Protein backbone atom coordinates (compact mmCIF):
# COMPACT_ATOMS: atom_id res chain seq x y z
CA MET A 1 -9.80 72.87 64.55
CA ARG A 2 -11.97 74.24 61.72
CA LEU A 3 -8.44 74.26 59.41
CA LEU A 4 -7.73 70.86 60.32
CA ASN A 5 -11.92 70.20 59.31
CA CYS A 6 -11.09 72.38 55.88
CA LEU A 7 -7.79 69.83 55.41
CA LEU A 8 -9.34 66.79 55.60
CA VAL A 9 -12.19 67.63 53.29
CA LEU A 10 -9.95 68.88 50.79
CA CYS A 11 -8.06 65.75 50.78
CA CYS A 12 -11.12 63.72 50.75
CA PHE A 13 -11.91 65.59 47.60
CA ALA A 14 -8.63 64.86 46.36
CA SER A 15 -8.84 61.59 46.90
CA GLN A 16 -12.37 61.22 45.09
CA ALA A 17 -11.11 63.18 42.30
CA ARG A 18 -7.89 60.89 41.82
CA ALA A 19 -10.56 58.16 41.83
CA ALA A 20 -12.68 59.43 39.33
CA ASP A 21 -9.37 60.34 37.13
CA LEU A 22 -8.18 56.65 37.18
CA ILE A 23 -11.23 55.47 35.70
CA GLY A 24 -11.67 58.61 33.61
CA PHE A 25 -8.37 57.41 31.45
CA TRP A 26 -10.65 54.96 30.06
CA ASP A 27 -13.32 57.03 28.96
CA LYS A 28 -12.03 57.62 25.55
CA PRO A 29 -9.96 55.11 23.53
CA GLN A 30 -6.33 54.08 24.94
CA HIS A 31 -3.72 52.59 22.52
CA GLY A 32 -0.58 51.59 23.68
CA GLY A 33 1.77 48.36 23.42
CA ASN A 34 2.96 45.54 24.96
CA SER A 35 5.90 45.60 27.30
CA PHE A 36 7.34 41.36 27.57
CA ASN A 37 11.11 42.09 28.22
CA ARG A 38 13.90 40.65 30.04
CA LEU A 39 15.12 43.17 31.25
CA PRO A 40 13.32 46.55 33.23
CA PRO A 41 12.67 48.60 30.41
CA ASP A 42 14.69 51.96 30.43
CA GLU A 43 13.55 55.32 29.72
CA THR A 44 14.82 55.49 26.30
CA TYR A 45 12.35 52.55 25.34
CA PHE A 46 9.13 54.28 26.72
CA LYS A 47 9.67 57.57 25.42
CA ALA A 48 9.93 55.72 22.06
CA LEU A 49 6.76 54.07 22.70
CA HIS A 50 5.56 57.38 23.97
CA GLY A 51 6.78 59.45 20.89
CA TYR A 52 4.87 56.67 18.29
CA GLY A 53 1.67 58.21 19.87
CA ALA A 54 1.13 55.40 22.90
CA SER A 55 -0.48 56.77 25.72
CA TRP A 56 -0.19 52.97 27.65
CA VAL A 57 1.70 50.06 28.18
CA ARG A 58 0.82 46.61 29.46
CA LEU A 59 3.42 45.74 31.83
CA SER A 60 4.68 42.24 32.46
CA TYR A 61 7.84 41.66 34.96
CA ASP A 62 8.33 37.45 34.83
CA LYS A 63 11.15 37.64 32.60
CA TRP A 64 13.08 39.79 35.12
CA LYS A 65 15.73 38.63 37.08
CA PRO A 66 13.91 37.70 40.54
CA GLU A 67 15.34 38.25 44.32
CA LYS A 68 14.20 34.44 44.85
CA ARG A 69 12.28 31.87 42.43
CA ASP A 70 9.77 33.94 40.88
CA PHE A 71 9.65 37.66 40.58
CA LEU A 72 7.75 39.72 43.02
CA ILE A 73 5.69 36.48 44.48
CA GLY A 74 8.97 34.76 45.68
CA ASP A 75 7.63 31.68 45.21
CA ALA A 76 4.51 30.57 43.35
CA ASP A 77 4.17 27.36 45.26
CA ALA A 78 3.70 29.55 48.42
CA TYR A 79 3.50 33.09 48.61
CA ALA A 80 4.62 34.72 52.04
CA GLY A 81 4.85 38.17 51.14
CA LEU A 82 6.19 40.82 48.31
CA MET A 83 9.87 40.52 47.59
CA GLN A 84 11.12 44.00 48.27
CA LYS A 85 14.14 44.20 45.82
CA ASP A 86 11.36 43.01 43.30
CA LEU A 87 9.03 45.71 44.09
CA ALA A 88 11.58 48.54 44.25
CA THR A 89 12.56 47.23 40.69
CA LEU A 90 9.16 47.37 39.49
CA LYS A 91 8.54 51.15 41.31
CA ALA A 92 11.92 52.25 39.43
CA ALA A 93 10.27 50.79 36.16
CA LEU A 94 7.03 52.67 36.93
CA ASP A 95 8.77 55.93 37.73
CA ARG A 96 10.65 55.72 34.14
CA ALA A 97 7.18 55.31 32.59
CA ASP A 98 5.75 57.93 34.15
CA LYS A 99 8.41 60.17 33.20
CA ALA A 100 8.42 59.29 29.33
CA GLY A 101 4.43 59.83 30.16
CA LEU A 102 3.09 56.76 29.49
CA LYS A 103 0.61 54.94 31.83
CA VAL A 104 1.14 51.24 32.99
CA VAL A 105 -1.22 48.10 33.06
CA ILE A 106 0.66 45.72 35.73
CA ALA A 107 0.18 42.66 34.24
CA PRO A 108 1.80 39.51 35.97
CA LEU A 109 2.23 36.00 34.15
CA SER A 110 2.23 34.04 37.10
CA LEU A 111 0.17 34.21 40.10
CA PRO A 112 0.71 31.65 43.26
CA GLY A 113 -0.60 28.48 42.03
CA MET A 114 -0.11 29.15 38.32
CA ARG A 115 3.60 29.79 37.32
CA TRP A 116 4.13 31.11 33.67
CA SER A 117 4.94 28.07 31.32
CA GLN A 118 7.92 29.63 30.13
CA ASN A 119 9.28 29.57 34.01
CA ASN A 120 8.23 26.18 34.63
CA ASP A 121 9.68 24.42 32.10
CA GLY A 122 7.10 24.49 29.48
CA LYS A 123 4.59 22.96 31.58
CA PHE A 124 1.16 24.49 32.14
CA ASP A 125 0.45 24.81 36.05
CA GLY A 126 -3.10 24.92 36.36
CA ARG A 127 -3.09 24.23 40.22
CA LEU A 128 -4.98 27.62 40.81
CA TRP A 129 -7.75 26.06 39.37
CA GLN A 130 -8.20 23.19 41.22
CA ASP A 131 -7.50 24.29 44.74
CA LYS A 132 -9.07 27.54 46.46
CA ALA A 133 -6.16 27.53 48.67
CA TYR A 134 -4.03 29.07 45.57
CA TRP A 135 -7.17 31.64 45.61
CA THR A 136 -6.29 33.10 48.78
CA GLN A 137 -2.54 33.08 48.53
CA ALA A 138 -3.41 35.20 45.08
CA ALA A 139 -5.46 37.42 46.83
CA ALA A 140 -3.10 38.07 49.55
CA PHE A 141 -0.78 39.07 46.80
CA TRP A 142 -2.76 41.24 45.31
CA ARG A 143 -3.80 42.89 48.11
CA ASP A 144 -0.20 43.61 49.20
CA LEU A 145 0.86 44.95 45.96
CA ALA A 146 -2.53 47.10 45.50
CA ALA A 147 -1.37 48.70 48.77
CA THR A 148 1.94 49.40 47.95
CA LEU A 149 1.23 50.77 44.10
CA LYS A 150 -2.04 52.54 44.46
CA ASP A 151 -1.11 56.05 44.88
CA HIS A 152 1.47 55.99 42.01
CA PRO A 153 0.84 58.34 39.06
CA ALA A 154 1.75 55.88 36.27
CA VAL A 155 -0.62 53.25 37.20
CA ALA A 156 -3.84 53.22 35.09
CA ALA A 157 -5.22 49.19 35.75
CA TYR A 158 -4.13 45.88 37.77
CA ASN A 159 -4.60 43.20 34.88
CA ILE A 160 -4.98 40.50 37.75
CA ILE A 161 -3.57 37.75 35.81
CA ASN A 162 -2.26 37.14 31.89
CA GLU A 163 -4.19 34.69 30.00
CA PRO A 164 -6.04 32.37 32.48
CA ALA A 165 -6.94 28.91 31.33
CA PRO A 166 -9.15 27.43 33.98
CA GLU A 167 -11.10 25.43 31.69
CA LYS A 168 -7.71 23.89 30.27
CA GLU A 169 -7.82 19.91 31.00
CA ASN A 170 -10.78 20.61 32.80
CA GLY A 171 -14.03 19.44 30.38
CA LEU A 172 -14.02 22.49 27.62
CA ALA A 173 -12.45 22.73 24.32
CA GLU A 174 -10.93 25.54 23.25
CA HIS A 175 -13.21 27.92 20.80
CA ALA A 176 -16.31 25.85 21.57
CA ASP A 177 -19.94 27.59 20.72
CA ALA A 178 -21.40 29.48 23.21
CA ALA A 179 -24.27 26.79 23.91
CA ALA A 180 -21.12 24.36 24.95
CA MET A 181 -19.57 26.91 27.18
CA GLN A 182 -22.55 27.74 29.15
CA ALA A 183 -23.78 24.47 30.05
CA TRP A 184 -19.80 23.82 30.95
CA TYR A 185 -20.10 27.21 33.36
CA LYS A 186 -22.95 25.73 35.14
CA ASP A 187 -21.39 22.39 36.45
CA ALA A 188 -18.02 24.99 37.02
CA ALA A 189 -19.92 27.68 38.98
CA ALA A 190 -18.43 27.49 42.84
CA THR A 191 -15.50 25.33 41.81
CA PRO A 192 -11.94 26.66 41.59
CA HIS A 193 -12.68 26.64 37.82
CA ASP A 194 -15.12 29.57 38.32
CA LEU A 195 -12.94 32.40 36.59
CA PRO A 196 -15.74 34.99 37.43
CA SER A 197 -15.73 34.06 41.21
CA PHE A 198 -12.04 33.99 41.26
CA TYR A 199 -12.10 37.46 39.86
CA GLU A 200 -14.39 38.71 43.01
CA THR A 201 -12.00 36.83 45.61
CA VAL A 202 -9.35 39.05 44.42
CA ILE A 203 -11.04 42.27 43.69
CA LYS A 204 -12.72 42.23 47.11
CA ALA A 205 -9.14 41.69 48.78
CA ILE A 206 -7.83 44.71 46.42
CA ARG A 207 -10.87 47.04 47.40
CA ALA A 208 -9.94 46.52 51.23
CA VAL A 209 -6.99 48.75 50.67
CA ASP A 210 -7.38 50.23 47.31
CA PRO A 211 -10.89 51.60 46.28
CA LYS A 212 -9.81 53.52 43.11
CA THR A 213 -7.40 51.53 40.34
CA PRO A 214 -9.39 50.28 37.57
CA ILE A 215 -9.02 46.38 37.35
CA MET A 216 -8.21 44.61 34.32
CA ALA A 217 -10.00 41.02 33.76
CA ASP A 218 -8.87 38.69 31.21
CA ALA A 219 -11.37 36.35 29.52
CA GLY A 220 -10.57 32.71 30.15
CA TRP A 221 -8.97 30.26 27.51
CA TYR A 222 -5.71 32.20 27.45
CA ALA A 223 -7.97 35.43 27.29
CA ALA A 224 -9.73 33.87 23.66
CA ALA A 225 -12.22 36.99 22.25
CA ASP A 226 -15.21 34.05 22.49
CA ALA A 227 -14.88 32.98 26.45
CA PHE A 228 -16.64 36.01 28.01
CA SER A 229 -19.48 34.16 26.33
CA TYR A 230 -20.25 31.76 29.30
CA TRP A 231 -19.88 34.64 31.72
CA PRO A 232 -23.22 34.90 33.05
CA GLY A 233 -22.75 38.93 33.83
CA PRO A 234 -20.29 41.28 34.68
CA LEU A 235 -18.41 41.91 37.60
CA ALA A 236 -19.43 43.35 40.40
CA ASP A 237 -17.16 46.29 40.79
CA ASP A 238 -17.92 49.32 38.52
CA LYS A 239 -13.94 50.03 37.37
CA VAL A 240 -13.79 46.35 35.80
CA LEU A 241 -12.01 46.61 32.38
CA TYR A 242 -12.77 43.45 30.46
CA SER A 243 -9.94 42.25 28.41
CA PHE A 244 -9.27 39.64 25.60
CA HIS A 245 -6.45 39.17 23.08
CA MET A 246 -6.81 38.42 19.64
CA TYR A 247 -4.60 36.00 17.74
CA GLU A 248 -7.16 33.63 16.08
CA PRO A 249 -6.59 32.01 13.50
CA TYR A 250 -3.58 30.98 15.85
CA ALA A 251 -2.28 28.33 13.43
CA ALA A 252 -1.53 30.97 10.84
CA THR A 253 -0.66 34.00 12.90
CA SER A 254 1.71 32.06 15.55
CA ALA A 255 5.59 30.71 15.30
CA PRO A 256 5.10 27.20 14.68
CA ASN A 257 3.16 27.99 11.70
CA LEU A 258 6.65 29.49 9.79
CA LYS A 259 8.16 26.18 10.44
CA ARG A 260 5.83 24.18 8.16
CA GLU A 261 6.62 23.21 4.52
CA LYS A 262 3.70 25.21 3.47
CA PRO A 263 2.82 27.83 6.07
CA TYR A 264 -0.93 28.53 6.75
CA ALA A 265 -1.47 31.59 4.74
CA TYR A 266 -3.80 35.27 5.77
CA PRO A 267 -6.18 35.95 4.34
CA GLY A 268 -7.36 32.19 3.54
CA GLU A 269 -8.46 28.61 5.07
CA VAL A 270 -6.92 27.64 8.41
CA PRO A 271 -7.84 25.34 11.09
CA PHE A 272 -9.91 26.90 14.02
CA GLY A 273 -11.82 24.79 17.00
CA GLU A 274 -13.00 21.78 15.40
CA GLY A 275 -12.18 22.33 11.85
CA SER A 276 -11.10 24.84 9.16
CA GLU A 277 -12.61 28.08 8.48
CA ASN A 278 -11.77 30.90 5.48
CA TRP A 279 -10.12 33.85 7.66
CA ASP A 280 -10.44 37.30 6.10
CA ALA A 281 -11.43 40.90 7.34
CA LYS A 282 -14.86 39.77 7.24
CA ARG A 283 -14.26 36.74 9.56
CA VAL A 284 -12.02 38.88 12.10
CA ASP A 285 -14.94 41.18 12.34
CA ALA A 286 -17.49 38.68 13.13
CA TYR A 287 -14.97 37.12 15.84
CA LEU A 288 -14.30 40.29 17.08
CA GLN A 289 -17.75 40.76 17.54
CA LEU A 290 -18.50 38.34 20.32
CA PRO A 291 -17.45 40.15 23.28
CA LEU A 292 -18.93 43.32 22.14
CA ASP A 293 -22.19 41.06 21.73
CA TRP A 294 -21.54 40.03 25.19
CA ALA A 295 -21.10 43.64 26.61
CA ASN A 296 -23.73 44.89 25.10
CA LYS A 297 -26.32 42.08 26.48
CA HIS A 298 -24.79 42.63 29.86
CA GLY A 299 -24.98 46.24 29.65
CA VAL A 300 -21.34 47.00 29.97
CA ALA A 301 -19.88 50.09 28.14
CA GLU A 302 -17.79 49.77 25.25
CA ASN A 303 -15.06 51.94 26.34
CA ARG A 304 -15.09 48.80 29.40
CA ILE A 305 -13.71 46.75 26.73
CA VAL A 306 -9.86 46.06 26.00
CA THR A 307 -7.97 44.31 23.40
CA GLY A 308 -5.07 43.71 26.21
CA GLU A 309 -2.82 41.81 22.99
CA PHE A 310 -2.99 41.33 19.38
CA GLY A 311 -0.40 40.73 16.93
CA CYS A 312 0.90 38.35 14.09
CA MET A 313 4.21 36.67 13.32
CA ARG A 314 5.84 39.62 11.15
CA ARG A 315 7.75 37.67 8.56
CA LEU A 316 4.42 35.93 7.52
CA SER A 317 3.46 37.49 4.35
CA GLY A 318 0.36 37.95 5.41
CA CYS A 319 0.70 39.97 9.05
CA ARG A 320 0.27 43.63 7.65
CA GLN A 321 -3.24 42.77 6.23
CA TYR A 322 -3.92 41.21 9.36
CA LEU A 323 -3.04 43.67 11.73
CA ASP A 324 -5.05 46.30 9.44
CA ASP A 325 -8.04 44.13 9.59
CA VAL A 326 -8.01 43.64 13.63
CA LEU A 327 -7.12 47.09 13.68
CA THR A 328 -10.07 48.24 11.65
CA LYS A 329 -12.75 46.56 13.43
CA LEU A 330 -11.42 47.72 16.74
CA ASP A 331 -11.03 51.20 15.78
CA ALA A 332 -14.62 51.06 14.29
CA ASN A 333 -15.84 50.20 17.83
CA ARG A 334 -13.59 52.62 19.85
CA LEU A 335 -11.79 49.74 21.76
CA HIS A 336 -8.79 50.22 23.70
CA TRP A 337 -6.01 48.45 22.28
CA ALA A 338 -2.25 47.43 22.96
CA PHE A 339 -0.33 45.68 20.29
CA TYR A 340 2.25 42.90 21.06
CA SER A 341 4.87 43.46 21.39
CA PHE A 342 7.50 46.96 21.48
CA ARG A 343 10.98 46.20 21.05
CA GLU A 344 10.86 42.96 23.21
CA ASP A 345 14.53 41.97 23.77
CA SER A 346 14.26 38.24 24.14
CA TRP A 347 11.75 37.18 21.03
CA ASP A 348 11.52 38.81 17.81
CA GLY A 349 8.55 37.17 16.02
CA MET A 350 6.13 40.46 16.34
CA ASP A 351 8.86 43.09 17.07
CA TYR A 352 7.42 44.54 13.69
CA GLU A 353 10.02 47.58 13.85
CA LEU A 354 12.50 44.70 12.61
CA GLY A 355 10.19 44.22 9.16
CA ARG A 356 10.29 40.78 7.74
CA GLU A 357 14.06 40.43 7.73
CA LYS A 358 15.65 38.11 9.89
CA VAL A 359 16.94 39.83 13.31
CA ASN A 360 21.03 40.70 13.72
CA TRP A 361 23.14 37.97 15.30
CA LYS A 362 23.89 41.00 17.88
CA TYR A 363 20.17 40.31 19.57
CA TRP A 364 20.97 36.93 20.06
CA GLU A 365 24.43 37.59 21.53
CA ALA A 366 23.24 40.13 23.65
CA ILE A 367 20.52 37.34 25.14
CA ASP A 368 23.47 34.92 25.69
CA ALA A 369 25.48 37.49 27.85
CA GLY A 370 22.76 39.39 29.45
CA LYS A 371 22.79 42.11 27.99
CA PRO A 372 20.38 45.23 26.61
CA ASP A 373 19.27 44.44 23.28
CA PRO A 374 21.51 46.47 20.67
CA VAL A 375 19.72 46.26 17.92
CA LYS A 376 18.17 49.37 16.58
CA ARG A 377 14.71 49.89 15.27
CA LYS A 378 12.85 51.81 12.19
CA ALA A 379 9.99 52.25 10.74
CA THR A 380 8.46 49.21 8.82
CA PRO A 381 5.99 48.70 6.23
CA GLU A 382 5.16 46.02 8.84
CA PHE A 383 4.50 48.20 11.29
CA GLU A 384 2.43 50.76 9.43
CA PRO A 385 -0.67 49.59 10.35
CA ILE A 386 -0.30 50.18 13.99
CA SER A 387 1.99 53.04 14.03
CA LYS A 388 -0.34 55.43 11.70
CA ARG A 389 -2.81 54.61 14.54
CA LEU A 390 -1.04 55.57 17.26
CA LYS A 391 -0.46 58.97 15.58
CA GLN A 392 -3.64 59.44 14.50
CA ALA A 393 -4.84 58.79 18.38
CA VAL A 394 -2.72 61.76 18.77
CA ASP A 395 -3.54 64.21 16.27
């Protein structure tokens, strides 16, 4: 009996140590990349990312071939349990990432009541933000997933949902000033538009089965860096990481810009919010200061702030400067970050190892055939702002 009691105590201590280790991973700056591939990445892919010096990968699975309508969820219209074949595919990918030495943040693009637009005929699906019945389904999904993955050695965090936008079509303009955001939230609180309250609901469900794994919560308005401005404070859980994405000024960094007769330049005057502004290193610094100001105001440590995505179109002449300006600010504040994206096999726009040239036709042929991406990557000047910092982190 005495031996049994000792074993139970040791197991308890081991579990507590595991919990401490998980959040402890985020105590110092962690740098990585996003994987939004159409095929589950193989071990070579993960090894290549780790070989650059990355410590983590933000992994999305919504482009993978699903067992039913929606990968893992089954049907975003009505969640009824995890799809077991999909779950096996995800676990195998996690095993490969772990073998390559990478930690993984799992980042769904869809939840019940919020099907990712690219899997929804290009239409925004905001049912999750209109009906709390979908909150219950989303919480059930995450409870089931956390119960299954809580002990996997690769998992470093659960990113509840990628780029939520409960404000969209619900009365708040994108990039509204802080006063307007806070006024909006006074009316939105406790309604289905209430993002912090949604997160609390899901976190409660996760913690019922998994008390230890850190949770990543994106800001609203597609994870905009200014969208924490209306949050009244941090979430109750002490293992939450607060994430934002950085593509501003989007009018310059995004794909539509390259189709303009005269694309917006970076640095330069670019439409933003209700008007236009001159965007340069100073403006990038000021914009990225906003989530830090929110964190400092509410006593959230800066090592709990994550830039979950950032990037620009690789063929934009100012892209290299933009990446450098963004990373200069992030590293000055020792923030965690993951660039978008690493060796994406369905869209080449932000694959910096391809340089500024058009991608080889074999890339598109492989997509049509559902085959692995055959295009070889290499170090390029466009990737240098990222790759040098990944290497510095290792050195």
